[in-house]
Amino acid sequence: MDWLDEAVRPVCEAFEAKGRAKIARMYRQCFRSTWDTTLQRADGTVFLITGDIPAMWLRDSSAQVYHYLPHASACPELAETIEGLIRRQFRMIGIDPYANAFNREASGRHGFQDRTSWTAEQEGWIWEHKYEVDSLCYPIRLAHAFWKATGRTGWCDEIFRRAARRIVEVWTAEQRHEEASPYFFERGHCPPSDTLPNGGKGTKVGFTGMTWSGFRPSDDACRYGYLIPANFFAARSLDQLDEIVSALDGDEAFLARIRTLRAEIRAGLEKYAVVRHPDFGDVYAYEVDGLGNCLFMDDANVPSLLSLPYLGCVPASDPVYQNTRRMVLSRANPYFFEGTCARGIGSPHTPKDLVWPISLCVQGLTSTDPEEIAALLSMLENMDAGTGLMHEGVHKDDPTRFTRPWFAWANSIFSEFCERALSAGV
């Protein structure tokens, strides 16, 4: 029996005892997906493809292994694999902190002809150069959680230290994007969501103290430059980086920079993130520009407004979060779809009427209502189209109409949700 079989056995047995044999099978298959299908070893590190795209996203690769962390302390092979992934992530950040996805080697392989701020040396490593704040948050989150789960600190080397300082430099520069940022991005012959206007610099923004993002975690362009869930995530990541540096590095000057940036982002969130909605009261906006404009919506990709408690950014009991939750899980959110098969949040990244299993899992992971959790588990059970796996988007009325048959992040977070459902008594 390998470690995966041992890891899934208690959950599978619990679901089988409840008469949920299909959920048990789906959980087993989804739990194994990342390990069995996406893991590649290279240069003493670990490279994780997303599934059906042969590139490694900083965001996806972190989320793909997060459900394995509770097992890492008891399994040296697993711990060494996750540590190898962390080493790879921070090596890539050191190459270019503005990139969201990377090649396994410096092959120059990418499917686009973009005009952007990379150098020729950087370009070889980069699959896509869309700057997203969350791309830098996720590796910090993974490193911190891995350290807490295992006590292992070998990943905290000079490569990590240089990359961590580069993250803080970038987030600081992007507080004044128009004046201080070297980043620009333009893609020709594409939908508007795949490129940035104004010569690749994005729409105009005012100073808020928050840090600017060119793109959302969906890889779609931001309409307004300050993505609220990403800034919450950045502040939380700075908490975690503070703890790492305090315990494992001790550089007081760097700690001061972390704490200053965190305080400025949080002050910006306090001033600009909460907006009065005519139907739901005070809610968190999805994006703002610091010039008076805001966007009411939510996207299935994480970080999202729905995911804020899951990421440790706000408590689920926060009244503003609860108002926001009601808003984004209603037709007030233009990307909320409801049909005979599924009811939940999709994304402008996929066609209309596609509900994302990731968003349903996040809804369940942030719920305190056992009835809601049970309903979501049953919904997901009927959305797999007989594959035993999760997909990117599933049509609200027909589970056989879906995008991305091989999408490891969705499988991993489904595993997390199944475990949450059991703990809630479902």
Protein backbone atom coordinates (compact mmCIF):
# COMPACT_ATOMS: atom_id res chain seq x y z
CA MET A 1 0.00 0.00 0.00
CA ASP A 2 1.50 3.39 -0.98
CA TRP A 3 1.10 6.53 1.13
CA LEU A 4 -1.79 7.71 -1.05
CA ASP A 5 -3.86 4.61 -0.33
CA GLU A 6 -3.22 5.01 3.38
CA ALA A 7 -4.08 8.72 3.25
CA VAL A 8 -7.44 8.29 1.51
CA ARG A 9 -8.56 5.18 3.39
CA PRO A 10 -10.22 6.84 6.45
CA VAL A 11 -12.21 9.32 4.35
CA CYS A 12 -13.27 6.69 1.83
CA GLU A 13 -14.36 4.31 4.58
CA ALA A 14 -16.34 7.09 6.27
CA PHE A 15 -18.23 7.93 3.08
CA GLU A 16 -18.84 4.27 2.30
CA ALA A 17 -20.28 3.78 5.80
CA LYS A 18 -22.71 6.62 5.01
CA GLY A 19 -23.78 4.91 1.78
CA ARG A 20 -21.86 7.44 -0.37
CA ALA A 21 -19.80 4.99 -2.43
CA LYS A 22 -19.61 7.31 -5.44
CA ILE A 23 -18.28 10.19 -3.34
CA ALA A 24 -15.71 7.80 -1.88
CA ARG A 25 -14.57 6.84 -5.39
CA MET A 26 -14.47 10.47 -6.54
CA TYR A 27 -12.52 11.51 -3.46
CA ARG A 28 -9.94 8.76 -4.00
CA GLN A 29 -9.47 9.64 -7.67
CA CYS A 30 -9.36 13.40 -7.12
CA PHE A 31 -7.01 13.14 -4.14
CA ARG A 32 -4.51 11.15 -6.21
CA SER A 33 -4.78 13.29 -9.35
CA THR A 34 -1.92 15.73 -8.75
CA TRP A 35 0.48 13.03 -7.58
CA ASP A 36 -0.37 10.53 -10.30
CA THR A 37 -0.66 12.81 -13.32
CA THR A 38 1.06 16.20 -12.97
CA LEU A 39 4.30 15.75 -11.04
CA GLN A 40 7.66 15.96 -12.83
CA ARG A 41 11.13 16.09 -11.29
CA ALA A 42 13.73 18.40 -12.80
CA ASP A 43 17.06 19.89 -11.66
CA GLY A 44 16.65 18.70 -8.08
CA THR A 45 13.26 20.38 -7.82
CA VAL A 46 9.67 19.49 -8.67
CA PHE A 47 7.68 20.88 -11.61
CA LEU A 48 3.88 20.56 -11.55
CA ILE A 49 1.86 20.99 -14.72
CA THR A 50 -1.74 22.16 -14.31
CA GLY A 51 -3.07 19.10 -16.12
CA ASP A 52 -3.95 19.64 -19.75
CA ILE A 53 -1.52 22.57 -20.12
CA PRO A 54 2.19 21.62 -19.97
CA ALA A 55 3.20 24.62 -17.85
CA MET A 56 3.47 25.36 -14.13
CA TRP A 57 1.38 28.17 -12.69
CA LEU A 58 2.62 29.48 -9.34
CA ARG A 59 -0.98 29.65 -8.12
CA ASP A 60 -2.20 26.29 -9.38
CA SER A 61 0.88 24.32 -8.37
CA SER A 62 0.56 25.58 -4.78
CA ALA A 63 -3.14 24.74 -4.61
CA GLN A 64 -2.61 21.35 -6.27
CA VAL A 65 -0.61 20.03 -3.29
CA TYR A 66 -2.28 21.88 -0.41
CA HIS A 67 -4.51 18.91 0.47
CA TYR A 68 -1.39 16.76 0.91
CA LEU A 69 0.08 18.88 3.73
CA PRO A 70 -1.63 17.02 6.63
CA HIS A 71 0.20 13.86 5.48
CA ALA A 72 3.64 15.39 4.84
CA SER A 73 5.10 14.99 8.33
CA ALA A 74 4.51 11.21 8.26
CA CYS A 75 5.72 10.65 4.70
CA PRO A 76 9.31 11.69 3.84
CA GLU A 77 8.72 11.10 0.11
CA LEU A 78 5.81 13.50 0.12
CA ALA A 79 7.63 16.09 2.25
CA GLU A 80 10.65 16.00 -0.07
CA THR A 81 8.36 16.42 -3.08
CA ILE A 82 6.55 19.46 -1.67
CA GLU A 83 9.86 20.98 -0.59
CA GLY A 84 11.15 20.44 -4.13
CA LEU A 85 8.12 22.29 -5.48
CA ILE A 86 8.67 25.21 -3.08
CA ARG A 87 12.30 25.43 -4.19
CA ARG A 88 11.21 25.50 -7.83
CA GLN A 89 8.59 28.18 -7.19
CA PHE A 90 10.97 30.59 -5.51
CA ARG A 91 13.63 29.93 -8.13
CA MET A 92 11.08 30.96 -10.78
CA ILE A 93 10.05 34.05 -8.82
CA GLY A 94 13.72 34.99 -8.73
CA ILE A 95 13.85 34.75 -12.52
CA ASP A 96 10.81 37.02 -12.99
CA PRO A 97 8.29 37.95 -10.26
CA TYR A 98 5.88 39.35 -12.86
CA ALA A 99 5.28 36.00 -14.60
CA ASN A 100 2.32 33.81 -13.72
CA ALA A 101 3.34 30.55 -15.45
CA PHE A 102 6.66 28.91 -16.31
CA ASN A 103 8.24 26.32 -18.57
CA ARG A 104 10.06 23.27 -17.23
CA GLU A 105 13.25 24.35 -19.03
CA ALA A 106 14.36 27.60 -20.63
CA SER A 107 12.74 26.49 -23.86
CA GLY A 108 11.01 29.72 -24.79
CA ARG A 109 7.85 27.71 -25.28
CA HIS A 110 4.73 29.83 -25.05
CA GLY A 111 1.74 30.10 -27.28
CA PHE A 112 1.59 33.88 -27.59
CA GLN A 113 3.39 36.76 -29.24
CA ASP A 114 3.25 39.32 -26.45
CA ARG A 115 4.84 42.72 -26.03
CA THR A 116 5.85 42.84 -22.39
CA SER A 117 8.63 43.75 -19.96
CA TRP A 118 10.57 40.48 -19.90
CA THR A 119 14.20 40.22 -21.01
CA ALA A 120 15.34 37.68 -23.59
CA GLU A 121 16.83 35.54 -20.81
CA GLN A 122 13.64 35.63 -18.77
CA GLU A 123 11.46 34.91 -21.77
CA GLY A 124 12.92 31.44 -22.24
CA TRP A 125 11.58 30.33 -18.86
CA ILE A 126 8.18 31.99 -19.07
CA TRP A 127 5.01 30.38 -20.40
CA GLU A 128 2.91 33.49 -19.73
CA HIS A 129 3.77 36.95 -18.41
CA LYS A 130 0.49 38.12 -16.92
CA TYR A 131 1.19 39.85 -13.61
CA GLU A 132 -1.19 38.67 -10.89
CA VAL A 133 -0.70 39.53 -7.20
CA ASP A 134 -1.90 36.09 -6.12
CA SER A 135 0.89 34.40 -8.08
CA LEU A 136 3.28 35.71 -5.42
CA CYS A 137 0.93 35.01 -2.50
CA TYR A 138 0.42 31.31 -3.11
CA PRO A 139 4.08 30.19 -2.77
CA ILE A 140 4.36 32.10 0.53
CA ARG A 141 1.16 30.43 1.75
CA LEU A 142 2.47 26.99 0.78
CA ALA A 143 5.92 27.51 2.30
CA HIS A 144 4.44 28.76 5.56
CA ALA A 145 1.91 25.91 5.82
CA PHE A 146 4.56 23.32 4.91
CA TRP A 147 6.88 24.66 7.61
CA LYS A 148 4.09 24.53 10.18
CA ALA A 149 3.05 21.02 9.13
CA THR A 150 6.53 19.46 9.03
CA GLY A 151 9.02 21.74 10.78
CA ARG A 152 11.25 21.46 7.69
CA THR A 153 13.18 24.62 6.82
CA GLY A 154 15.60 23.48 4.11
CA TRP A 155 13.65 25.48 1.52
CA CYS A 156 14.47 28.71 3.40
CA ASP A 157 17.78 29.24 1.61
CA GLU A 158 19.37 32.18 -0.18
CA ILE A 159 17.17 31.63 -3.25
CA PHE A 160 14.08 31.93 -1.06
CA ARG A 161 15.45 35.02 0.71
CA ARG A 162 16.21 36.83 -2.56
CA ALA A 163 12.79 35.95 -3.98
CA ALA A 164 10.99 37.06 -0.81
CA ARG A 165 12.73 40.44 -0.98
CA ARG A 166 11.83 40.72 -4.65
CA ILE A 167 8.15 40.08 -3.83
CA VAL A 168 8.13 42.92 -1.33
CA GLU A 169 9.94 45.19 -3.83
CA VAL A 170 7.36 44.42 -6.54
CA TRP A 171 4.34 44.91 -4.29
CA THR A 172 5.82 48.19 -3.07
CA ALA A 173 6.52 49.43 -6.60
CA GLU A 174 3.01 48.43 -7.68
CA GLN A 175 1.48 50.69 -5.03
CA ARG A 176 2.45 53.42 -7.51
CA HIS A 177 2.08 51.46 -10.69
CA GLU A 178 2.01 54.30 -13.17
CA GLU A 179 5.08 56.03 -11.70
CA ALA A 180 7.24 53.18 -10.37
CA SER A 181 6.43 49.97 -12.25
CA PRO A 182 8.50 48.58 -15.13
CA TYR A 183 5.68 46.21 -16.06
CA PHE A 184 3.58 46.43 -19.21
CA PHE A 185 1.74 43.78 -21.20
CA GLU A 186 0.06 43.77 -24.61
CA ARG A 187 -1.20 40.84 -26.64
CA GLY A 188 -2.37 41.26 -30.20
CA HIS A 189 -5.36 39.67 -31.93
CA CYS A 190 -7.08 38.57 -28.71
CA PRO A 191 -10.16 39.33 -26.61
CA PRO A 192 -9.88 42.49 -24.48
CA SER A 193 -9.60 40.34 -21.35
CA ASP A 194 -6.22 38.99 -22.54
CA THR A 195 -4.41 42.31 -22.80
CA LEU A 196 -3.96 45.60 -20.95
CA PRO A 197 -4.99 48.98 -22.43
CA ASN A 198 -2.98 52.22 -22.45
CA GLY A 199 0.15 50.79 -24.01
CA GLY A 200 0.01 47.76 -21.75
CA LYS A 201 -0.03 49.72 -18.50
CA GLY A 202 -3.71 49.17 -17.68
CA THR A 203 -6.48 51.58 -16.79
CA LYS A 204 -5.70 54.67 -14.71
CA VAL A 205 -5.59 54.32 -10.95
CA GLY A 206 -5.07 56.61 -7.99
CA PHE A 207 -2.85 55.90 -4.98
CA THR A 208 -4.63 53.88 -2.29
CA GLY A 209 -1.85 52.12 -0.38
CA MET A 210 -2.97 48.84 -1.97
CA THR A 211 -0.86 47.04 -4.57
CA TRP A 212 -1.86 46.95 -8.25
CA SER A 213 -2.56 43.81 -10.27
CA GLY A 214 -2.69 43.61 -14.04
CA PHE A 215 -4.68 40.39 -14.12
CA ARG A 216 -7.05 38.38 -11.97
CA PRO A 217 -6.42 34.79 -10.82
CA SER A 218 -8.53 33.78 -13.82
CA ASP A 219 -5.72 35.24 -16.01
CA ASP A 220 -8.26 37.84 -17.22
CA ALA A 221 -7.35 41.53 -17.18
CA CYS A 222 -8.53 43.63 -14.24
CA ARG A 223 -11.02 46.32 -15.14
CA TYR A 224 -9.78 48.44 -12.23
CA GLY A 225 -6.27 47.99 -10.91
CA TYR A 226 -6.84 47.21 -7.26
CA LEU A 227 -8.19 43.69 -6.96
CA ILE A 228 -9.67 43.54 -3.46
CA PRO A 229 -9.43 39.78 -2.76
CA ALA A 230 -5.84 39.79 -4.01
CA ASN A 231 -4.95 42.64 -1.66
CA PHE A 232 -6.51 40.80 1.27
CA PHE A 233 -4.45 37.78 0.25
CA ALA A 234 -1.28 39.88 -0.02
CA ALA A 235 -1.78 41.28 3.49
CA ARG A 236 -2.27 37.74 4.81
CA SER A 237 0.83 36.56 2.93
CA LEU A 238 2.83 39.37 4.51
CA ASP A 239 1.68 38.10 7.92
CA GLN A 240 3.06 34.70 7.01
CA LEU A 241 6.27 36.12 5.55
CA ASP A 242 6.77 38.16 8.72
CA GLU A 243 6.52 34.97 10.77
CA ILE A 244 8.97 33.12 8.50
CA VAL A 245 11.54 35.91 8.47
CA SER A 246 11.23 36.51 12.21
CA ALA A 247 11.89 32.84 12.99
CA LEU A 248 14.25 31.75 10.21
CA ASP A 249 16.00 34.86 8.92
CA GLY A 250 15.99 37.64 11.50
CA ASP A 251 16.70 40.49 9.09
CA GLU A 252 15.21 43.41 11.02
CA ALA A 253 15.48 45.85 8.11
CA PHE A 254 13.51 43.48 5.87
CA LEU A 255 10.95 42.88 8.62
CA ALA A 256 10.41 46.64 8.85
CA ARG A 257 9.72 46.78 5.09
CA ILE A 258 7.27 43.88 5.35
CA ARG A 259 5.40 45.53 8.21
CA THR A 260 5.25 48.94 6.55
CA LEU A 261 3.87 47.48 3.32
CA ARG A 262 1.34 45.35 5.18
CA ALA A 263 0.10 48.35 7.18
CA GLU A 264 -0.29 50.42 4.01
CA ILE A 265 -2.22 47.68 2.18
CA ARG A 266 -4.51 47.17 5.16
CA ALA A 267 -5.13 50.90 5.46
CA GLY A 268 -6.06 50.93 1.77
CA LEU A 269 -8.45 48.04 2.27
CA GLU A 270 -10.08 49.79 5.20
CA LYS A 271 -10.60 52.95 3.17
CA TYR A 272 -11.53 51.57 -0.25
CA ALA A 273 -12.64 47.91 -0.06
CA VAL A 274 -16.02 48.37 1.61
CA VAL A 275 -18.69 49.90 -0.63
CA ARG A 276 -22.40 50.41 -0.02
CA HIS A 277 -24.54 48.17 -2.22
CA PRO A 278 -28.18 49.27 -2.79
CA ASP A 279 -29.56 45.80 -1.99
CA PHE A 280 -27.01 44.16 0.31
CA GLY A 281 -25.63 47.01 2.42
CA ASP A 282 -21.89 47.28 3.07
CA VAL A 283 -20.03 44.74 0.94
CA TYR A 284 -16.53 44.17 -0.33
CA ALA A 285 -16.07 45.37 -3.90
CA TYR A 286 -14.24 43.06 -6.29
CA GLU A 287 -12.10 45.81 -7.83
CA VAL A 288 -11.60 49.53 -7.29
CA ASP A 289 -9.37 52.13 -8.92
CA GLY A 290 -8.93 54.70 -6.15
CA LEU A 291 -10.68 57.24 -8.36
CA GLY A 292 -14.25 56.46 -7.31
CA ASN A 293 -15.01 53.47 -9.53
CA CYS A 294 -15.78 49.98 -8.22
CA LEU A 295 -16.94 46.64 -9.53
CA PHE A 296 -19.57 44.44 -7.88
CA MET A 297 -18.95 40.81 -8.90
CA ASP A 298 -17.04 37.70 -7.96
CA ASP A 299 -15.10 35.14 -9.96
CA ALA A 300 -14.75 31.40 -9.34
CA ASN A 301 -10.96 31.57 -9.18
CA VAL A 302 -9.24 31.95 -5.81
CA PRO A 303 -8.57 34.49 -4.36
CA SER A 304 -12.18 35.54 -4.65
CA LEU A 305 -14.42 37.48 -2.31
CA LEU A 306 -16.15 34.21 -1.42
CA SER A 307 -12.81 32.63 -0.48
CA LEU A 308 -11.64 35.27 2.02
CA PRO A 309 -12.23 33.11 5.14
CA TYR A 310 -10.72 30.06 3.42
CA LEU A 311 -7.50 32.02 2.90
CA GLY A 312 -7.53 33.30 6.48
CA CYS A 313 -8.16 36.91 5.44
CA VAL A 314 -11.41 37.62 7.31
CA PRO A 315 -13.53 35.54 9.71
CA ALA A 316 -16.61 33.92 8.20
CA SER A 317 -18.67 35.76 10.83
CA ASP A 318 -17.56 39.18 9.58
CA PRO A 319 -20.83 41.07 8.82
CA VAL A 320 -19.40 42.68 5.69
CA TYR A 321 -18.27 39.27 4.45
CA GLN A 322 -21.72 37.83 5.11
CA ASN A 323 -23.34 40.65 3.13
CA THR A 324 -20.80 40.07 0.36
CA ARG A 325 -21.46 36.34 0.40
CA ARG A 326 -25.19 36.90 -0.08
CA MET A 327 -24.45 39.27 -2.95
CA VAL A 328 -22.01 37.05 -4.86
CA LEU A 329 -24.24 33.98 -4.43
CA SER A 330 -27.13 35.76 -6.09
CA ARG A 331 -28.01 37.14 -9.49
CA ALA A 332 -26.53 40.45 -8.39
CA ASN A 333 -23.25 38.78 -9.35
CA PRO A 334 -23.18 38.67 -13.17
CA TYR A 335 -21.22 35.40 -13.00
CA PHE A 336 -23.68 33.53 -10.80
CA PHE A 337 -25.55 30.91 -12.80
CA GLU A 338 -28.43 28.65 -11.77
CA GLY A 339 -29.87 25.65 -13.60
CA THR A 340 -31.10 22.09 -13.21
CA CYS A 341 -27.61 20.65 -12.69
CA ALA A 342 -25.69 23.35 -10.86
CA ARG A 343 -26.12 26.61 -8.99
CA GLY A 344 -23.06 28.72 -8.28
CA ILE A 345 -20.33 31.06 -9.46
CA GLY A 346 -18.61 30.84 -12.83
CA SER A 347 -16.21 33.19 -14.54
CA PRO A 348 -15.87 35.55 -17.48
CA HIS A 349 -12.90 33.31 -18.37
CA THR A 350 -15.33 30.61 -19.54
CA PRO A 351 -18.61 30.84 -21.47
CA LYS A 352 -21.86 32.00 -19.92
CA ASP A 353 -23.80 29.45 -17.82
CA LEU A 354 -20.75 27.40 -16.77
CA VAL A 355 -20.51 26.89 -12.99
CA TRP A 356 -17.05 26.12 -11.64
CA PRO A 357 -16.62 23.21 -9.20
CA ILE A 358 -13.80 25.20 -7.57
CA SER A 359 -16.29 27.89 -6.57
CA LEU A 360 -18.72 25.30 -5.19
CA CYS A 361 -15.92 23.77 -3.12
CA VAL A 362 -14.95 27.21 -1.82
CA GLN A 363 -18.58 27.89 -0.97
CA GLY A 364 -18.60 24.70 1.06
CA LEU A 365 -15.24 25.35 2.69
CA THR A 366 -16.46 28.75 3.91
CA SER A 367 -19.93 27.64 5.00
CA THR A 368 -20.99 27.02 8.58
CA ASP A 369 -24.34 25.50 7.56
CA PRO A 370 -24.37 21.66 7.37
CA GLU A 371 -27.41 21.74 5.07
CA GLU A 372 -25.62 24.01 2.61
CA ILE A 373 -22.52 21.80 2.75
CA ALA A 374 -24.60 18.67 2.13
CA ALA A 375 -26.37 20.26 -0.84
CA LEU A 376 -23.06 21.31 -2.38
CA LEU A 377 -21.58 17.83 -1.97
CA SER A 378 -24.59 16.29 -3.72
CA MET A 379 -24.37 18.87 -6.48
CA LEU A 380 -20.70 18.09 -7.10
CA GLU A 381 -21.43 14.37 -7.02
CA ASN A 382 -23.74 14.87 -10.01
CA MET A 383 -21.42 17.19 -11.98
CA ASP A 384 -18.62 14.79 -12.89
CA ALA A 385 -20.27 13.40 -16.06
CA GLY A 386 -19.25 9.91 -14.97
CA THR A 387 -15.52 10.73 -15.00
CA GLY A 388 -14.99 10.71 -11.24
CA LEU A 389 -13.12 14.01 -11.62
CA MET A 390 -13.78 17.72 -11.33
CA HIS A 391 -13.62 20.07 -14.30
CA GLU A 392 -13.06 23.77 -14.90
CA GLY A 393 -16.61 24.83 -15.77
CA VAL A 394 -19.76 22.68 -16.03
CA HIS A 395 -22.94 23.79 -17.78
CA LYS A 396 -25.68 24.64 -15.31
CA ASP A 397 -28.14 22.31 -17.07
CA ASP A 398 -25.94 19.56 -18.51
CA PRO A 399 -22.96 17.94 -16.72
CA THR A 400 -21.67 16.46 -19.99
CA ARG A 401 -20.89 19.98 -21.25
CA PHE A 402 -17.72 20.99 -19.46
CA THR A 403 -14.31 22.59 -20.02
CA ARG A 404 -10.93 21.05 -19.12
CA PRO A 405 -11.28 17.31 -18.50
CA TRP A 406 -7.89 17.31 -16.74
CA PHE A 407 -7.66 20.15 -14.21
CA ALA A 408 -5.71 19.17 -11.12
CA TRP A 409 -6.48 22.22 -8.95
CA ALA A 410 -10.22 21.47 -9.08
CA ASN A 411 -9.55 17.86 -8.08
CA SER A 412 -7.38 18.90 -5.15
CA ILE A 413 -9.81 21.40 -3.69
CA PHE A 414 -12.64 18.89 -4.08
CA SER A 415 -10.60 16.60 -1.83
CA GLU A 416 -10.32 19.39 0.74
CA PHE A 417 -14.07 19.95 0.59
CA CYS A 418 -14.89 16.27 1.05
CA GLU A 419 -12.85 16.25 4.26
CA ARG A 420 -14.62 19.45 5.41
CA ALA A 421 -18.00 17.84 4.68
CA LEU A 422 -17.17 14.88 6.89
CA SER A 423 -16.03 17.16 9.73
CA ALA A 424 -19.36 18.99 9.45
CA GLY A 425 -21.21 15.70 9.89
CA VAL A 426 -22.44 15.45 6.31
